[in-house]
Amino acid sequence: VQLQASGGGLVQAGGSLRLSCAASGRTFSTYVMGWFRQTQGKERELVAAISRTGVSTNYKDSVKGRFTISRDNAKNTVYLQMNTLKPEDTAVYYCAADVGVVVYNIPEKYEYWGQGTQVTVSS
């Protein structure tokens, strides 16, 4: 599967962005999908993940109540709605796909990765 992330940009603190990740290739609904982020010198960390049907989701504690992950299997797309953004949310955001059932929180479990999109939140 190929993943194409988009929607990043520069936003002021308190603002919102919506990231999208379009998938091509094998049937999208067979993948668990995740959004990860990484800043320079730090390890890649899970932001949110969603099960194949969208019923189950996991979130990093610091984004709970502010970010929402969703997917549209008919459009082969996963989204990350980010509200009330903070400067500490600044990072490169990556979408990832895992051919499995369990919604994992660690990047090593995801086989396919998009190219990343920069999110910058100014104070």
N, C-alpha and C. Protein backbone atom coordinates (compact mmCIF):
# COMPACT_ATOMS: atom_id res chain seq x y z
N VAL A 1 0.84 -1.18 0.00
CA VAL A 1 0.00 0.00 0.00
C VAL A 1 0.88 1.25 0.00
N GLN A 2 0.44 2.27 -0.68
CA GLN A 2 1.12 3.56 -0.67
C GLN A 2 0.27 4.57 0.07
N LEU A 3 0.93 5.36 0.90
CA LEU A 3 0.23 6.33 1.74
C LEU A 3 0.70 7.73 1.41
N GLN A 4 -0.25 8.64 1.28
CA GLN A 4 0.05 10.03 0.96
C GLN A 4 -0.62 10.92 1.99
N ALA A 5 0.19 11.53 2.84
CA ALA A 5 -0.33 12.42 3.88
C ALA A 5 -0.37 13.85 3.38
N SER A 6 -1.35 14.60 3.87
CA SER A 6 -1.47 16.01 3.50
C SER A 6 -2.21 16.75 4.60
N GLY A 7 -2.19 18.08 4.51
CA GLY A 7 -2.96 18.89 5.44
C GLY A 7 -2.17 19.62 6.49
N GLY A 8 -0.87 19.39 6.54
CA GLY A 8 -0.06 20.09 7.51
C GLY A 8 0.08 21.56 7.16
N GLY A 9 0.66 22.32 8.09
CA GLY A 9 0.87 23.73 7.85
C GLY A 9 1.23 24.47 9.11
N LEU A 10 1.16 25.78 9.02
CA LEU A 10 1.47 26.66 10.14
C LEU A 10 0.15 27.22 10.69
N VAL A 11 0.00 27.10 12.00
CA VAL A 11 -1.23 27.57 12.64
C VAL A 11 -0.88 28.16 13.99
N GLN A 12 -1.66 29.12 14.43
CA GLN A 12 -1.45 29.70 15.75
C GLN A 12 -1.99 28.78 16.83
N ALA A 13 -1.45 28.90 18.00
CA ALA A 13 -1.93 28.13 19.14
C ALA A 13 -3.43 28.36 19.33
N GLY A 14 -4.13 27.27 19.60
CA GLY A 14 -5.57 27.33 19.72
C GLY A 14 -6.31 27.05 18.43
N GLY A 15 -5.58 27.01 17.34
CA GLY A 15 -6.19 26.77 16.04
C GLY A 15 -6.38 25.29 15.75
N SER A 16 -6.83 25.02 14.53
CA SER A 16 -7.15 23.65 14.13
C SER A 16 -6.53 23.33 12.78
N LEU A 17 -6.27 22.06 12.58
CA LEU A 17 -5.86 21.52 11.29
C LEU A 17 -6.49 20.15 11.13
N ARG A 18 -6.69 19.74 9.91
CA ARG A 18 -7.12 18.37 9.63
C ARG A 18 -6.13 17.72 8.68
N LEU A 19 -5.53 16.67 9.13
CA LEU A 19 -4.63 15.89 8.29
C LEU A 19 -5.42 14.78 7.60
N SER A 20 -5.00 14.49 6.39
CA SER A 20 -5.58 13.40 5.62
C SER A 20 -4.47 12.47 5.15
N CYS A 21 -4.82 11.22 5.03
CA CYS A 21 -3.87 10.23 4.52
C CYS A 21 -4.63 9.33 3.55
N ALA A 22 -4.30 9.46 2.29
CA ALA A 22 -4.94 8.66 1.25
C ALA A 22 -4.11 7.42 0.95
N ALA A 23 -4.77 6.29 0.85
CA ALA A 23 -4.09 5.03 0.62
C ALA A 23 -4.44 4.47 -0.75
N SER A 24 -3.48 3.86 -1.37
CA SER A 24 -3.72 3.18 -2.63
C SER A 24 -3.12 1.78 -2.54
N GLY A 25 -3.60 0.90 -3.37
CA GLY A 25 -3.09 -0.45 -3.35
C GLY A 25 -4.10 -1.43 -2.77
N ARG A 26 -3.62 -2.26 -1.87
CA ARG A 26 -4.46 -3.30 -1.29
C ARG A 26 -5.65 -2.69 -0.55
N THR A 27 -6.68 -3.46 -0.35
CA THR A 27 -7.92 -3.00 0.26
C THR A 27 -7.66 -2.27 1.57
N PHE A 28 -8.06 -1.02 1.61
CA PHE A 28 -7.79 -0.14 2.73
C PHE A 28 -8.38 -0.68 4.03
N SER A 29 -9.54 -1.28 3.95
CA SER A 29 -10.24 -1.73 5.16
C SER A 29 -9.55 -2.89 5.86
N THR A 30 -8.51 -3.44 5.27
CA THR A 30 -7.78 -4.52 5.92
C THR A 30 -6.64 -4.01 6.79
N TYR A 31 -6.46 -2.70 6.84
CA TYR A 31 -5.36 -2.10 7.60
C TYR A 31 -5.83 -1.39 8.87
N VAL A 32 -5.13 -1.64 9.94
CA VAL A 32 -5.17 -0.73 11.08
C VAL A 32 -4.34 0.49 10.69
N MET A 33 -4.84 1.67 11.02
CA MET A 33 -4.16 2.91 10.63
C MET A 33 -3.74 3.71 11.84
N GLY A 34 -2.60 4.36 11.72
CA GLY A 34 -2.12 5.18 12.81
C GLY A 34 -1.54 6.49 12.33
N TRP A 35 -1.58 7.46 13.21
CA TRP A 35 -0.87 8.73 13.01
C TRP A 35 0.22 8.81 14.08
N PHE A 36 1.42 9.08 13.64
CA PHE A 36 2.56 9.24 14.53
C PHE A 36 3.16 10.62 14.30
N ARG A 37 3.98 11.06 15.23
CA ARG A 37 4.69 12.31 15.03
C ARG A 37 6.10 12.20 15.56
N GLN A 38 6.94 13.05 15.02
CA GLN A 38 8.35 13.02 15.41
C GLN A 38 8.94 14.42 15.35
N THR A 39 9.71 14.75 16.37
CA THR A 39 10.48 15.99 16.36
C THR A 39 11.95 15.61 16.36
N GLN A 40 12.77 16.56 15.99
CA GLN A 40 14.20 16.29 15.84
C GLN A 40 14.80 15.81 17.15
N GLY A 41 15.51 14.71 17.08
CA GLY A 41 16.19 14.18 18.24
C GLY A 41 15.34 13.32 19.14
N LYS A 42 14.08 13.15 18.76
CA LYS A 42 13.18 12.34 19.58
C LYS A 42 12.65 11.16 18.77
N GLU A 43 12.21 10.15 19.49
CA GLU A 43 11.64 8.99 18.83
C GLU A 43 10.24 9.29 18.29
N ARG A 44 9.89 8.54 17.27
CA ARG A 44 8.56 8.67 16.71
C ARG A 44 7.54 8.14 17.74
N GLU A 45 6.47 8.87 17.93
CA GLU A 45 5.48 8.49 18.92
C GLU A 45 4.08 8.44 18.33
N LEU A 46 3.27 7.54 18.91
CA LEU A 46 1.89 7.44 18.45
C LEU A 46 1.11 8.67 18.87
N VAL A 47 0.32 9.19 17.95
CA VAL A 47 -0.65 10.24 18.27
C VAL A 47 -2.03 9.61 18.41
N ALA A 48 -2.41 8.82 17.42
CA ALA A 48 -3.72 8.16 17.44
C ALA A 48 -3.70 6.99 16.47
N ALA A 49 -4.52 5.99 16.77
CA ALA A 49 -4.64 4.84 15.90
C ALA A 49 -6.10 4.40 15.88
N ILE A 50 -6.46 3.70 14.79
CA ILE A 50 -7.85 3.33 14.61
C ILE A 50 -7.92 1.94 14.00
N SER A 51 -8.89 1.18 14.47
CA SER A 51 -9.05 -0.18 13.98
C SER A 51 -9.58 -0.20 12.54
N ARG A 52 -9.62 -1.39 11.98
CA ARG A 52 -10.01 -1.52 10.58
C ARG A 52 -11.42 -1.02 10.31
N THR A 53 -12.31 -1.22 11.27
CA THR A 53 -13.70 -0.78 11.07
C THR A 53 -13.96 0.62 11.62
N GLY A 54 -13.00 1.13 12.38
CA GLY A 54 -13.17 2.44 13.00
C GLY A 54 -13.82 2.40 14.37
N VAL A 55 -14.15 1.22 14.85
CA VAL A 55 -14.84 1.10 16.13
C VAL A 55 -13.90 1.40 17.29
N SER A 56 -12.64 0.96 17.19
CA SER A 56 -11.69 1.14 18.28
C SER A 56 -10.65 2.19 17.92
N THR A 57 -10.32 3.02 18.89
CA THR A 57 -9.29 4.04 18.71
C THR A 57 -8.40 4.11 19.94
N ASN A 58 -7.16 4.53 19.72
CA ASN A 58 -6.21 4.80 20.81
C ASN A 58 -5.65 6.19 20.61
N TYR A 59 -5.38 6.88 21.71
CA TYR A 59 -4.83 8.22 21.64
C TYR A 59 -3.69 8.39 22.64
N LYS A 60 -2.73 9.19 22.25
CA LYS A 60 -1.73 9.67 23.20
C LYS A 60 -2.46 10.51 24.24
N ASP A 61 -2.06 10.36 25.49
CA ASP A 61 -2.79 11.04 26.56
C ASP A 61 -2.88 12.55 26.35
N SER A 62 -1.82 13.15 25.86
CA SER A 62 -1.78 14.62 25.77
C SER A 62 -2.68 15.16 24.66
N VAL A 63 -3.20 14.31 23.79
CA VAL A 63 -4.07 14.80 22.71
C VAL A 63 -5.52 14.40 22.92
N LYS A 64 -5.78 13.60 23.93
CA LYS A 64 -7.16 13.18 24.20
C LYS A 64 -8.05 14.41 24.44
N GLY A 65 -9.21 14.40 23.79
CA GLY A 65 -10.12 15.53 23.91
C GLY A 65 -9.85 16.65 22.94
N ARG A 66 -8.69 16.62 22.28
CA ARG A 66 -8.34 17.66 21.30
C ARG A 66 -8.25 17.10 19.88
N PHE A 67 -7.76 15.89 19.76
CA PHE A 67 -7.58 15.26 18.44
C PHE A 67 -8.60 14.15 18.25
N THR A 68 -9.01 13.96 17.00
CA THR A 68 -9.92 12.87 16.67
C THR A 68 -9.45 12.17 15.41
N ILE A 69 -9.27 10.86 15.51
CA ILE A 69 -8.92 10.07 14.33
C ILE A 69 -10.19 9.44 13.79
N SER A 70 -10.28 9.40 12.47
CA SER A 70 -11.44 8.77 11.83
C SER A 70 -10.98 8.21 10.49
N ARG A 71 -11.83 7.40 9.91
CA ARG A 71 -11.49 6.84 8.60
C ARG A 71 -12.74 6.69 7.77
N ASP A 72 -12.51 6.76 6.47
CA ASP A 72 -13.58 6.53 5.51
C ASP A 72 -13.08 5.43 4.57
N ASN A 73 -13.53 4.22 4.80
CA ASN A 73 -13.02 3.10 4.02
C ASN A 73 -13.48 3.17 2.56
N ALA A 74 -14.57 3.84 2.30
CA ALA A 74 -15.03 3.99 0.93
C ALA A 74 -14.11 4.93 0.14
N LYS A 75 -13.46 5.84 0.86
CA LYS A 75 -12.55 6.80 0.22
C LYS A 75 -11.09 6.44 0.42
N ASN A 76 -10.83 5.32 1.10
CA ASN A 76 -9.45 4.89 1.36
C ASN A 76 -8.64 5.98 2.06
N THR A 77 -9.25 6.61 3.02
CA THR A 77 -8.62 7.76 3.66
C THR A 77 -8.81 7.70 5.18
N VAL A 78 -7.75 8.07 5.88
CA VAL A 78 -7.82 8.25 7.33
C VAL A 78 -7.53 9.72 7.63
N TYR A 79 -8.19 10.24 8.65
CA TYR A 79 -8.09 11.65 8.99
C TYR A 79 -7.61 11.82 10.44
N LEU A 80 -7.03 12.97 10.69
CA LEU A 80 -6.71 13.37 12.04
C LEU A 80 -7.15 14.82 12.20
N GLN A 81 -8.25 15.01 12.90
CA GLN A 81 -8.73 16.35 13.20
C GLN A 81 -8.04 16.83 14.47
N MET A 82 -7.33 17.92 14.36
CA MET A 82 -6.55 18.45 15.49
C MET A 82 -7.10 19.81 15.88
N ASN A 83 -7.64 19.90 17.07
CA ASN A 83 -8.19 21.15 17.59
C ASN A 83 -7.39 21.63 18.79
N THR A 84 -7.58 22.87 19.13
CA THR A 84 -6.89 23.49 20.27
C THR A 84 -5.40 23.14 20.24
N LEU A 85 -4.80 23.39 19.13
CA LEU A 85 -3.39 23.03 18.95
C LEU A 85 -2.50 23.84 19.87
N LYS A 86 -1.42 23.19 20.31
CA LYS A 86 -0.44 23.80 21.21
C LYS A 86 0.93 23.78 20.55
N PRO A 87 1.82 24.67 20.95
CA PRO A 87 3.17 24.66 20.37
C PRO A 87 3.86 23.30 20.50
N GLU A 88 3.58 22.57 21.55
CA GLU A 88 4.21 21.27 21.75
C GLU A 88 3.67 20.21 20.78
N ASP A 89 2.65 20.54 20.01
CA ASP A 89 2.17 19.64 18.96
C ASP A 89 3.00 19.76 17.68
N THR A 90 3.88 20.73 17.64
CA THR A 90 4.73 20.92 16.47
C THR A 90 5.59 19.69 16.22
N ALA A 91 5.50 19.15 15.01
CA ALA A 91 6.23 17.93 14.65
C ALA A 91 5.95 17.61 13.19
N VAL A 92 6.67 16.63 12.70
CA VAL A 92 6.31 16.01 11.42
C VAL A 92 5.36 14.87 11.75
N TYR A 93 4.24 14.86 11.09
CA TYR A 93 3.21 13.86 11.32
C TYR A 93 3.23 12.84 10.19
N TYR A 94 3.20 11.57 10.57
CA TYR A 94 3.22 10.48 9.61
C TYR A 94 1.98 9.61 9.78
N CYS A 95 1.44 9.15 8.66
CA CYS A 95 0.43 8.11 8.75
C CYS A 95 1.09 6.76 8.47
N ALA A 96 0.51 5.73 9.03
CA ALA A 96 1.08 4.40 8.91
C ALA A 96 -0.03 3.36 8.86
N ALA A 97 0.31 2.22 8.26
CA ALA A 97 -0.67 1.15 8.10
C ALA A 97 -0.09 -0.17 8.58
N ASP A 98 -0.95 -0.95 9.21
CA ASP A 98 -0.55 -2.27 9.72
C ASP A 98 -1.57 -3.31 9.25
N VAL A 99 -1.07 -4.37 8.64
CA VAL A 99 -1.95 -5.45 8.23
C VAL A 99 -2.17 -6.35 9.44
N GLY A 100 -3.18 -6.05 10.19
CA GLY A 100 -3.43 -6.83 11.38
C GLY A 100 -4.77 -6.48 11.96
N VAL A 101 -4.96 -6.94 13.19
CA VAL A 101 -6.24 -6.73 13.87
C VAL A 101 -6.05 -5.83 15.10
N VAL A 102 -4.95 -6.04 15.80
CA VAL A 102 -4.71 -5.30 17.04
C VAL A 102 -4.30 -3.87 16.71
N VAL A 103 -4.81 -2.93 17.48
CA VAL A 103 -4.45 -1.52 17.30
C VAL A 103 -3.22 -1.26 18.18
N TYR A 104 -2.05 -1.31 17.58
CA TYR A 104 -0.81 -1.14 18.32
C TYR A 104 -0.45 0.33 18.48
N ASN A 105 0.33 0.60 19.54
CA ASN A 105 0.77 1.96 19.82
C ASN A 105 2.22 2.20 19.43
N ILE A 106 2.92 1.19 18.99
CA ILE A 106 4.34 1.35 18.73
C ILE A 106 4.60 1.31 17.24
N PRO A 107 5.50 2.16 16.77
CA PRO A 107 5.73 2.26 15.33
C PRO A 107 6.28 0.99 14.70
N GLU A 108 6.97 0.16 15.48
CA GLU A 108 7.57 -1.04 14.91
C GLU A 108 6.53 -2.02 14.38
N LYS A 109 5.29 -1.89 14.80
CA LYS A 109 4.24 -2.81 14.37
C LYS A 109 3.62 -2.40 13.04
N TYR A 110 3.97 -1.23 12.53
CA TYR A 110 3.35 -0.73 11.31
C TYR A 110 4.30 -0.95 10.14
N GLU A 111 3.80 -1.55 9.09
CA GLU A 111 4.65 -1.94 7.96
C GLU A 111 4.80 -0.85 6.91
N TYR A 112 3.82 -0.01 6.76
CA TYR A 112 3.82 0.97 5.67
C TYR A 112 3.70 2.38 6.23
N TRP A 113 4.44 3.30 5.60
CA TRP A 113 4.50 4.67 6.09
C TRP A 113 4.34 5.66 4.96
N GLY A 114 3.67 6.76 5.26
CA GLY A 114 3.61 7.89 4.35
C GLY A 114 4.83 8.76 4.51
N GLN A 115 4.88 9.83 3.75
CA GLN A 115 6.08 10.66 3.67
C GLN A 115 6.18 11.71 4.77
N GLY A 116 5.13 11.94 5.52
CA GLY A 116 5.17 12.93 6.58
C GLY A 116 4.70 14.29 6.12
N THR A 117 4.05 14.99 7.03
CA THR A 117 3.61 16.35 6.76
C THR A 117 3.91 17.20 7.99
N GLN A 118 4.47 18.37 7.76
CA GLN A 118 4.92 19.23 8.86
C GLN A 118 3.74 20.00 9.45
N VAL A 119 3.64 19.95 10.76
CA VAL A 119 2.68 20.77 11.50
C VAL A 119 3.47 21.68 12.42
N THR A 120 3.26 22.98 12.30
CA THR A 120 3.94 23.96 13.13
C THR A 120 2.90 24.83 13.82
N VAL A 121 2.98 24.86 15.14
CA VAL A 121 2.04 25.64 15.93
C VAL A 121 2.80 26.77 16.60
N SER A 122 2.46 27.98 16.28
CA SER A 122 3.15 29.14 16.84
C SER A 122 2.44 29.62 18.10
N SER A 123 3.23 30.15 19.00
CA SER A 123 2.66 30.62 20.27
C SER A 123 2.22 32.06 20.20
